[in-house]
Amino acid sequence: MVCDRGVAIELGEPGVDELSEAVGVLREWQHDAAPMQLHPGDLGWFWRFGAEATAAAVRTWSRDGRILAVGLLDEPKLLRLTIAPDAQRDEELARQLVADLTEPERGVLIAGKVCVEAPMGVLVQDLLFEDGWNADEPWTPLRRDLTEPVPDPGVRIEVIGPEQARVRAAVQRASFDRSTFTEEHWHAMAAGLPYADARCLVAYDDQGNAVAAVTVWSAGPGKPGVLEPMGVHREQRGRGYGKAITVAAAAALQELGASSAMVCTPSFNVGAVATYQSAGFQQLPERRDLCRAA
């Protein structure tokens, strides 16, 4: 589709007071028939670094005042990008995105090897391939339908509030080797706009030890929610706690009105894929980021 309307595509860097618009369009764009894409929960998880840092990491592309694409610089060399459903084959937008992603002086991606995560099937992917970008390592998305009742997880689950933030942060650090998540990060995340539709859960063993944790993000009633992140304490693995906390996550999203629960994990992490499948998630076709060599 070519949309030459005489109105330029504008690249924007929203301020803190403008983040609500980006979060709002991301909520609107979520639907169950869509491929895995940038979700308001992704901005919500990034919000652990604070509102100012989140605003500095967000990019928008607009025409005539309407946001058509939103990107999150999840790392200096990784842009997570999604596009409005009716603009995914918009040639003018796609070519502008390629120009902004390819030329470092545009301020979207720095020089060197960089990667872009975009929904499968959007025109910008085709144009990046034509421009010499290559597919990176595969990721596996998984989805669980929430129209049917979710079973009891079989372990004690607590919804984490401010008074338990220290526990949630400790499980996160014990689950991911390079995690820097702190109690202060939790409070910053919980103060963010997307957390109004989110829950943090912690699973406990029979001795009262916190053994697994997850944060779930809803995009609103009737829309898919995401798990971001989920982790099991490194000393408690292999005991079914990953399945239990994942089932609890699905139940929490169902209570929030989500139509489905989604998660994405590197395909090489076969243990994580198996855990999600054991919790009733169905594996979807693999997806790959597109990367440009240095």
Protein backbone atom coordinates (compact mmCIF):
# COMPACT_ATOMS: atom_id res chain seq x y z
CA MET A 1 0.00 0.00 0.00
CA VAL A 2 1.36 3.42 -0.93
CA CYS A 3 0.06 6.29 1.19
CA ASP A 4 1.26 9.55 -0.37
CA ARG A 5 -0.87 12.08 1.41
CA GLY A 6 1.49 15.01 1.18
CA VAL A 7 2.13 14.81 4.93
CA ALA A 8 5.59 13.84 6.12
CA ILE A 9 6.26 11.02 8.55
CA GLU A 10 7.62 12.55 11.73
CA LEU A 11 10.07 10.81 14.05
CA GLY A 12 9.32 11.72 17.64
CA GLU A 13 11.00 11.34 21.03
CA PRO A 14 8.15 11.75 23.53
CA GLY A 15 8.66 13.42 26.86
CA VAL A 16 7.52 11.87 30.12
CA ASP A 17 4.17 13.63 29.86
CA GLU A 18 3.66 12.17 26.36
CA LEU A 19 4.31 8.53 27.23
CA SER A 20 0.62 7.95 27.92
CA GLU A 21 -0.15 8.35 24.22
CA ALA A 22 2.43 5.73 23.24
CA VAL A 23 1.14 3.33 25.90
CA GLY A 24 -2.41 3.99 24.73
CA VAL A 25 -1.79 3.13 21.07
CA LEU A 26 0.12 0.00 22.05
CA ARG A 27 -2.94 -1.11 24.02
CA GLU A 28 -5.18 -0.41 21.02
CA TRP A 29 -2.99 -2.38 18.61
CA GLN A 30 -2.99 -5.64 20.59
CA HIS A 31 -5.29 -8.40 19.32
CA ASP A 32 -5.18 -12.18 19.32
CA ALA A 33 -4.79 -12.55 15.56
CA ALA A 34 -1.67 -10.37 15.56
CA PRO A 35 1.83 -11.84 15.67
CA MET A 36 3.88 -11.31 18.81
CA GLN A 37 4.68 -7.60 18.97
CA LEU A 38 5.76 -4.79 21.24
CA HIS A 39 3.27 -4.67 24.12
CA PRO A 40 2.52 -1.95 26.69
CA GLY A 41 3.97 -4.38 29.22
CA ASP A 42 7.35 -4.12 27.51
CA LEU A 43 7.34 -0.40 28.26
CA GLY A 44 6.07 -1.24 31.73
CA TRP A 45 8.99 -3.55 32.48
CA PHE A 46 11.46 -0.97 31.11
CA TRP A 47 9.87 1.58 33.47
CA ARG A 48 11.91 0.00 36.30
CA PHE A 49 14.63 2.42 35.22
CA GLY A 50 12.30 5.39 35.77
CA ALA A 51 9.95 7.50 33.70
CA GLU A 52 12.71 9.72 32.30
CA ALA A 53 14.77 6.74 31.10
CA THR A 54 11.68 5.17 29.55
CA ALA A 55 10.83 8.35 27.66
CA ALA A 56 14.43 8.57 26.41
CA ALA A 57 14.15 5.00 25.05
CA VAL A 58 10.84 5.45 23.18
CA ARG A 59 10.53 6.56 19.56
CA THR A 60 7.33 7.24 17.64
CA TRP A 61 6.58 7.73 13.96
CA SER A 62 3.52 9.84 13.18
CA ARG A 63 1.64 11.23 10.22
CA ASP A 64 -0.63 14.22 10.63
CA GLY A 65 -0.55 13.84 14.41
CA ARG A 66 -1.45 10.13 14.45
CA ILE A 67 1.12 7.65 15.79
CA LEU A 68 1.71 4.88 13.23
CA ALA A 69 4.70 3.10 14.82
CA VAL A 70 6.28 2.84 18.26
CA GLY A 71 9.79 1.67 19.04
CA LEU A 72 11.56 0.88 22.31
CA LEU A 73 15.35 1.01 22.50
CA ASP A 74 15.54 -1.96 24.85
CA GLU A 75 19.30 -1.82 24.44
CA PRO A 76 21.45 0.75 22.61
CA LYS A 77 21.67 -1.65 19.66
CA LEU A 78 18.19 -3.23 19.77
CA LEU A 79 15.01 -1.48 18.72
CA ARG A 80 11.76 -3.29 19.47
CA LEU A 81 9.29 -1.96 16.93
CA THR A 82 5.60 -2.36 16.17
CA ILE A 83 3.26 -0.74 13.71
CA ALA A 84 -0.43 0.15 13.65
CA PRO A 85 -2.47 -2.73 12.14
CA ASP A 86 -3.65 -0.63 9.19
CA ALA A 87 -0.15 0.71 8.45
CA GLN A 88 1.90 -2.48 8.36
CA ARG A 89 2.17 -2.43 4.54
CA ASP A 90 2.30 1.37 4.28
CA GLU A 91 5.20 1.95 1.87
CA GLU A 92 5.84 5.57 2.81
CA LEU A 93 6.07 4.65 6.50
CA ALA A 94 8.21 1.58 5.85
CA ARG A 95 10.73 3.50 3.75
CA GLN A 96 10.94 6.23 6.37
CA LEU A 97 11.52 3.61 9.07
CA VAL A 98 14.32 2.01 7.04
CA ALA A 99 15.99 5.40 6.55
CA ASP A 100 15.74 6.22 10.24
CA LEU A 101 17.04 2.79 11.27
CA THR A 102 19.86 2.68 8.75
CA GLU A 103 21.44 6.10 9.21
CA PRO A 104 23.02 6.50 12.69
CA GLU A 105 22.77 10.28 12.54
CA ARG A 106 18.99 9.93 12.76
CA GLY A 107 19.54 9.05 16.43
CA VAL A 108 17.51 5.83 16.53
CA LEU A 109 20.30 3.24 16.53
CA ILE A 110 24.00 3.79 17.10
CA ALA A 111 26.69 2.73 14.64
CA GLY A 112 27.94 -0.85 14.50
CA LYS A 113 25.96 -4.06 14.68
CA VAL A 114 22.32 -3.27 15.46
CA CYS A 115 19.10 -5.29 15.50
CA VAL A 116 15.42 -4.57 14.97
CA GLU A 117 12.56 -6.65 16.36
CA ALA A 118 9.39 -6.19 14.31
CA PRO A 119 6.20 -8.22 13.83
CA MET A 120 6.36 -10.89 11.16
CA GLY A 121 4.90 -9.82 7.82
CA VAL A 122 5.32 -6.05 8.03
CA LEU A 123 6.73 -4.29 4.98
CA VAL A 124 9.68 -2.80 6.85
CA GLN A 125 11.06 -6.33 7.31
CA ASP A 126 11.07 -6.89 3.54
CA LEU A 127 12.83 -3.58 2.94
CA LEU A 128 15.46 -4.24 5.60
CA PHE A 129 16.22 -7.61 3.97
CA GLU A 130 16.60 -5.83 0.62
CA ASP A 131 18.95 -3.37 2.31
CA GLY A 132 21.26 -6.19 3.43
CA TRP A 133 20.02 -6.88 6.96
CA ASN A 134 20.11 -10.53 8.07
CA ALA A 135 18.01 -12.75 10.33
CA ASP A 136 19.38 -13.24 13.85
CA GLU A 137 18.89 -16.12 16.31
CA PRO A 138 15.34 -17.51 16.51
CA TRP A 139 12.86 -16.80 19.29
CA THR A 140 9.83 -18.91 20.17
CA PRO A 141 6.53 -17.18 20.98
CA LEU A 142 3.91 -19.12 22.91
CA ARG A 143 0.25 -18.35 23.63
CA ARG A 144 -2.34 -19.70 26.04
CA ASP A 145 -6.03 -19.09 25.39
CA LEU A 146 -7.86 -17.75 28.44
CA THR A 147 -11.45 -18.43 27.47
CA GLU A 148 -11.46 -21.62 29.57
CA PRO A 149 -10.87 -21.86 33.33
CA VAL A 150 -7.25 -21.96 34.47
CA PRO A 151 -6.41 -24.69 37.00
CA ASP A 152 -5.01 -24.10 40.46
CA PRO A 153 -1.19 -23.81 40.30
CA GLY A 154 -0.76 -26.18 43.26
CA VAL A 155 1.52 -23.90 45.29
CA ARG A 156 1.01 -20.80 47.41
CA ILE A 157 0.95 -17.66 45.28
CA GLU A 158 1.06 -14.11 46.59
CA VAL A 159 0.32 -10.91 44.70
CA ILE A 160 3.20 -8.59 45.51
CA GLY A 161 2.60 -5.10 46.80
CA PRO A 162 5.04 -2.40 47.98
CA GLU A 163 5.70 -4.14 51.27
CA GLN A 164 6.95 -7.31 49.49
CA ALA A 165 8.97 -5.56 46.79
CA ARG A 166 12.21 -6.72 48.41
CA VAL A 167 11.11 -10.37 48.05
CA ARG A 168 10.14 -9.91 44.40
CA ALA A 169 13.48 -8.27 43.63
CA ALA A 170 15.46 -11.00 45.40
CA VAL A 171 13.77 -13.78 43.39
CA GLN A 172 14.46 -11.88 40.18
CA ARG A 173 18.17 -11.63 40.96
CA ALA A 174 18.29 -15.30 41.98
CA SER A 175 16.65 -16.31 38.69
CA PHE A 176 18.77 -14.35 36.19
CA ASP A 177 22.55 -14.29 36.47
CA ARG A 178 22.98 -10.73 35.21
CA SER A 179 19.91 -9.21 36.82
CA THR A 180 20.33 -5.86 38.56
CA PHE A 181 16.68 -5.64 39.66
CA THR A 182 16.25 -3.98 43.06
CA GLU A 183 13.48 -2.98 45.41
CA GLU A 184 13.86 0.57 44.10
CA HIS A 185 13.41 -0.70 40.54
CA TRP A 186 10.18 -2.40 41.58
CA HIS A 187 8.78 0.82 43.02
CA ALA A 188 9.72 2.74 39.87
CA MET A 189 8.05 0.08 37.70
CA ALA A 190 4.92 0.04 39.87
CA ALA A 191 4.63 3.81 39.54
CA GLY A 192 4.55 3.58 35.74
CA LEU A 193 1.42 3.95 33.63
CA PRO A 194 1.31 0.33 32.35
CA TYR A 195 1.40 -1.12 35.87
CA ALA A 196 -2.24 -0.15 36.36
CA ASP A 197 -2.94 -3.29 34.29
CA ALA A 198 -0.21 -5.46 35.81
CA ARG A 199 0.46 -7.83 38.70
CA CYS A 200 3.63 -9.23 40.28
CA LEU A 201 3.30 -12.77 41.65
CA VAL A 202 5.64 -14.82 43.82
CA ALA A 203 5.38 -18.59 44.42
CA TYR A 204 6.38 -20.14 47.75
CA ASP A 205 7.38 -23.68 48.65
CA ASP A 206 6.04 -25.64 51.64
CA GLN A 207 8.71 -24.12 53.90
CA GLY A 208 7.72 -20.57 53.00
CA ASN A 209 10.67 -19.88 50.72
CA ALA A 210 10.09 -17.62 47.71
CA VAL A 211 10.96 -19.87 44.76
CA ALA A 212 9.63 -18.23 41.57
CA ALA A 213 8.25 -14.92 40.36
CA VAL A 214 6.51 -13.38 37.38
CA THR A 215 5.12 -10.04 36.28
CA VAL A 216 2.06 -10.07 34.02
CA TRP A 217 0.82 -7.16 31.93
CA SER A 218 -2.69 -6.76 30.56
CA ALA A 219 -3.50 -4.49 27.62
CA GLY A 220 -7.12 -4.30 28.71
CA PRO A 221 -10.20 -6.53 28.58
CA GLY A 222 -10.43 -8.77 25.54
CA LYS A 223 -6.78 -8.26 24.54
CA PRO A 224 -3.71 -10.46 24.92
CA GLY A 225 -1.53 -10.01 27.99
CA VAL A 226 2.13 -10.89 28.37
CA LEU A 227 4.47 -12.45 30.91
CA GLU A 228 7.55 -10.26 31.28
CA PRO A 229 9.58 -11.58 33.01
CA MET A 230 9.22 -15.04 34.61
CA GLY A 231 11.98 -16.69 36.60
CA VAL A 232 12.67 -19.56 38.99
CA HIS A 233 15.25 -19.34 41.77
CA ARG A 234 18.38 -21.10 40.53
CA GLU A 235 18.43 -23.34 43.64
CA GLN A 236 14.81 -24.41 43.16
CA ARG A 237 14.74 -25.51 39.52
CA GLY A 238 13.46 -28.88 38.37
CA ARG A 239 10.69 -29.02 40.98
CA GLY A 240 7.74 -27.77 38.93
CA TYR A 241 7.79 -24.19 40.19
CA GLY A 242 8.20 -22.78 36.69
CA LYS A 243 5.00 -24.47 35.57
CA ALA A 244 3.21 -23.39 38.76
CA ILE A 245 4.09 -19.70 38.48
CA THR A 246 3.25 -19.73 34.76
CA VAL A 247 -0.18 -21.21 35.44
CA ALA A 248 -0.67 -18.57 38.16
CA ALA A 249 0.34 -15.89 35.65
CA ALA A 250 -2.31 -17.11 33.20
CA ALA A 251 -4.92 -17.04 35.97
CA ALA A 252 -3.94 -13.48 36.94
CA LEU A 253 -4.26 -12.29 33.36
CA GLN A 254 -7.62 -13.99 33.10
CA GLU A 255 -8.76 -12.09 36.20
CA LEU A 256 -7.59 -8.87 34.55
CA GLY A 257 -9.81 -9.64 31.54
CA ALA A 258 -7.10 -10.70 29.08
CA SER A 259 -8.18 -12.89 26.17
CA SER A 260 -4.89 -14.78 26.06
CA ALA A 261 -1.48 -14.93 27.68
CA MET A 262 1.68 -14.61 25.58
CA VAL A 263 5.37 -15.05 26.19
CA CYS A 264 8.49 -15.20 24.02
CA THR A 265 11.78 -16.94 24.81
CA PRO A 266 14.99 -17.71 22.89
CA SER A 267 14.49 -20.95 20.96
CA PHE A 268 17.75 -22.37 22.32
CA ASN A 269 16.22 -22.25 25.81
CA VAL A 270 14.43 -25.56 25.37
CA GLY A 271 13.78 -25.83 29.10
CA ALA A 272 11.80 -22.59 29.12
CA VAL A 273 9.83 -23.64 26.03
CA ALA A 274 8.97 -26.95 27.72
CA THR A 275 7.95 -25.16 30.93
CA TYR A 276 5.53 -22.88 29.11
CA GLN A 277 4.10 -25.81 27.17
CA SER A 278 3.56 -27.74 30.41
CA ALA A 279 1.53 -24.75 31.64
CA GLY A 280 -0.82 -24.96 28.65
CA PHE A 281 0.91 -22.57 26.26
CA GLN A 282 0.94 -23.45 22.56
CA GLN A 283 4.09 -22.91 20.56
CA LEU A 284 3.79 -20.48 17.63
CA PRO A 285 6.05 -20.10 14.57
CA GLU A 286 9.53 -18.86 15.38
CA ARG A 287 10.44 -15.23 14.87
CA ARG A 288 13.81 -13.59 14.28
CA ASP A 289 15.21 -10.13 14.78
CA LEU A 290 16.87 -8.48 11.79
CA CYS A 291 20.47 -7.38 12.30
CA ARG A 292 22.89 -5.20 10.38
CA ALA A 293 26.55 -6.07 10.58
CA ALA A 294 29.03 -3.55 11.92
